[in-house]
C-alpha atoms as a PDB file:
ATOM      1  CA  MET A   1      18.081 187.507 141.722  1.00  0.00           C
ATOM      2  CA  HIS A   2      19.669 190.945 142.092  1.00  0.00           C
ATOM      3  CA  ARG A   3      19.707 190.518 145.825  1.00  0.00           C
ATOM      4  CA  ALA A   4      21.659 187.238 145.548  1.00  0.00           C
ATOM      5  CA  LEU A   5      24.216 188.812 143.182  1.00  0.00           C
ATOM      6  CA  ARG A   6      24.736 191.620 145.662  1.00  0.00           C
ATOM      7  CA  TYR A   7      26.041 189.068 148.216  1.00  0.00           C
ATOM      8  CA  ILE A   8      27.781 186.623 145.884  1.00  0.00           C
ATOM      9  CA  ALA A   9      29.791 189.139 143.828  1.00  0.00           C
ATOM     10  CA  PRO A  10      31.810 190.456 146.819  1.00  0.00           C
ATOM     11  CA  LEU A  11      32.558 186.872 147.870  1.00  0.00           C
ATOM     12  CA  PHE A  12      34.025 186.071 144.449  1.00  0.00           C
ATOM     13  CA  LEU A  13      35.994 189.322 144.509  1.00  0.00           C
ATOM     14  CA  ALA A  14      37.403 188.535 147.963  1.00  0.00           C
ATOM     15  CA  ALA A  15      38.356 185.017 146.842  1.00  0.00           C
ATOM     16  CA  ALA A  16      40.072 186.377 143.728  1.00  0.00           C
ATOM     17  CA  ILE A  17      42.114 188.795 145.848  1.00  0.00           C
ATOM     18  CA  ALA A  18      42.956 186.293 148.606  1.00  0.00           C
ATOM     19  CA  ALA A  19      44.008 183.372 146.366  1.00  0.00           C
ATOM     20  CA  PRO A  20      47.330 184.871 145.175  1.00  0.00           C
ATOM     21  CA  LEU A  21      48.162 185.997 148.716  1.00  0.00           C
ATOM     22  CA  SER A  22      47.800 182.479 150.095  1.00  0.00           C
ATOM     23  CA  VAL A  23      50.154 181.135 147.413  1.00  0.00           C
ATOM     24  CA  VAL A  24      52.791 183.764 148.209  1.00  0.00           C
ATOM     25  CA  ALA A  25      52.496 183.152 151.955  1.00  0.00           C
ATOM     26  CA  ALA A  26      53.063 179.402 151.614  1.00  0.00           C
ATOM     27  CA  ALA A  27      56.481 178.372 152.925  1.00  0.00           C
ATOM     28  CA  ALA A  28      58.941 176.919 150.458  1.00  0.00           C
ATOM     29  CA  PRO A  29      60.218 173.467 151.362  1.00  0.00           C
ATOM     30  CA  GLN A  30      63.663 173.453 152.964  1.00  0.00           C
ATOM     31  CA  ASP A  31      66.545 171.708 151.252  1.00  0.00           C
ATOM     32  CA  ALA A  32      66.450 168.087 152.431  1.00  0.00           C
ATOM     33  CA  ASN A  33      70.229 168.013 152.979  1.00  0.00           C
ATOM     34  CA  VAL A  34      70.295 170.981 155.356  1.00  0.00           C
ATOM     35  CA  GLN A  35      68.686 170.393 158.724  1.00  0.00           C
ATOM     36  CA  ILE A  36      70.148 173.191 160.827  1.00  0.00           C
ATOM     37  CA  ARG A  37      72.466 176.099 160.084  1.00  0.00           C
ATOM     38  CA  VAL A  38      74.930 176.990 162.860  1.00  0.00           C
ATOM     39  CA  TYR A  39      76.961 180.191 163.100  1.00  0.00           C
ATOM     40  CA  ASP A  40      80.563 179.960 164.318  1.00  0.00           C
ATOM     41  CA  LYS A  41      81.347 183.291 166.026  1.00  0.00           C
ATOM     42  CA  ASP A  42      85.092 182.748 166.312  1.00  0.00           C
ATOM     43  CA  HIS A  43      85.590 181.918 162.640  1.00  0.00           C
ATOM     44  CA  ARG A  44      82.689 184.084 161.440  1.00  0.00           C
ATOM     45  CA  ASP A  45      81.132 181.476 159.191  1.00  0.00           C
ATOM     46  CA  TYR A  46      78.068 179.271 158.933  1.00  0.00           C
ATOM     47  CA  HIS A  47      77.974 175.483 158.945  1.00  0.00           C
ATOM     48  CA  ASN A  48      75.150 173.278 157.734  1.00  0.00           C
ATOM     49  CA  TRP A  49      74.442 170.710 160.414  1.00  0.00           C
ATOM     50  CA  ASP A  50      73.673 167.558 158.489  1.00  0.00           C
ATOM     51  CA  ASP A  51      74.533 163.870 158.825  1.00  0.00           C
ATOM     52  CA  HIS A  52      78.080 164.535 157.652  1.00  0.00           C
ATOM     53  CA  GLU A  53      78.624 167.216 160.294  1.00  0.00           C
ATOM     54  CA  ASP A  54      77.091 164.967 162.931  1.00  0.00           C
ATOM     55  CA  ARG A  55      79.637 162.235 162.090  1.00  0.00           C
ATOM     56  CA  ALA A  56      82.465 164.774 162.458  1.00  0.00           C
ATOM     57  CA  TYR A  57      80.997 165.904 165.796  1.00  0.00           C
ATOM     58  CA  ARG A  58      80.868 162.300 167.025  1.00  0.00           C
ATOM     59  CA  GLY A  59      84.521 161.926 165.987  1.00  0.00           C
ATOM     60  CA  PHE A  60      85.361 165.024 168.022  1.00  0.00           C
ATOM     61  CA  LEU A  61      83.645 163.568 171.091  1.00  0.00           C
ATOM     62  CA  THR A  62      85.351 160.202 170.620  1.00  0.00           C
ATOM     63  CA  GLU A  63      88.746 161.879 170.369  1.00  0.00           C
ATOM     64  CA  ARG A  64      88.063 163.691 173.651  1.00  0.00           C
ATOM     65  CA  HIS A  65      86.700 160.494 175.292  1.00  0.00           C
ATOM     66  CA  GLU A  66      83.337 162.119 175.986  1.00  0.00           C
ATOM     67  CA  THR A  67      79.917 160.526 175.781  1.00  0.00           C
ATOM     68  CA  TYR A  68      77.555 161.714 173.070  1.00  0.00           C
ATOM     69  CA  ARG A  69      75.407 164.706 173.887  1.00  0.00           C
ATOM     70  CA  GLU A  70      73.482 166.682 171.266  1.00  0.00           C
ATOM     71  CA  TYR A  71      75.417 169.690 170.001  1.00  0.00           C
ATOM     72  CA  ASN A  72      72.688 172.179 170.867  1.00  0.00           C
ATOM     73  CA  ARG A  73      72.634 170.875 174.456  1.00  0.00           C
ATOM     74  CA  GLN A  74      76.372 171.361 174.952  1.00  0.00           C
ATOM     75  CA  ASN A  75      77.662 174.424 176.788  1.00  0.00           C
ATOM     76  CA  HIS A  76      79.200 177.253 174.753  1.00  0.00           C
ATOM     77  CA  LYS A  77      82.734 176.314 175.756  1.00  0.00           C
ATOM     78  CA  THR A  78      82.372 172.830 174.273  1.00  0.00           C
ATOM     79  CA  GLN A  79      80.654 174.211 171.167  1.00  0.00           C
ATOM     80  CA  ARG A  80      83.538 176.648 170.608  1.00  0.00           C
ATOM     81  CA  ALA A  81      86.044 173.837 171.148  1.00  0.00           C
ATOM     82  CA  TYR A  82      84.220 171.769 168.521  1.00  0.00           C
ATOM     83  CA  TRP A  83      84.385 174.493 165.864  1.00  0.00           C
ATOM     84  CA  ASN A  84      88.062 175.106 166.604  1.00  0.00           C
ATOM     85  CA  TRP A  85      88.677 171.359 166.243  1.00  0.00           C
ATOM     86  CA  ARG A  86      86.536 171.268 163.108  1.00  0.00           C
ATOM     87  CA  HIS A  87      88.550 173.999 161.415  1.00  0.00           C
ATOM     88  CA  GLU A  88      91.736 172.102 162.250  1.00  0.00           C
ATOM     89  CA  HIS A  89      90.246 168.883 160.806  1.00  0.00           C
ATOM     90  CA  PRO A  90      88.682 169.853 157.462  1.00  0.00           C
ATOM     91  CA  ASP A  91      86.896 167.389 155.207  1.00  0.00           C
ATOM     92  CA  HIS A  92      88.972 165.706 152.547  1.00  0.00           C
ATOM     93  CA  ASP A  93      86.421 164.780 149.890  1.00  0.00           C
END
């Protein structure tokens, strides 16, 4: 009996110490509306890339008569041109 307690007690102690650590280490769910956050170097601000921003980006490409290509696959020159265009065409909610 004493021999069994000698092995079981440390297991319970380890579980009691590890349980709060696993709860703290769990990742918090990300806001469902924000998919990606993009930094605009020229204007020194962040933009949340969501469905609304994607529609604006598609409008930018349409205005320039370009075919759709994912933003993160565009070259830096086109990305900079988009953010300049975006700041000239703000949302009117």
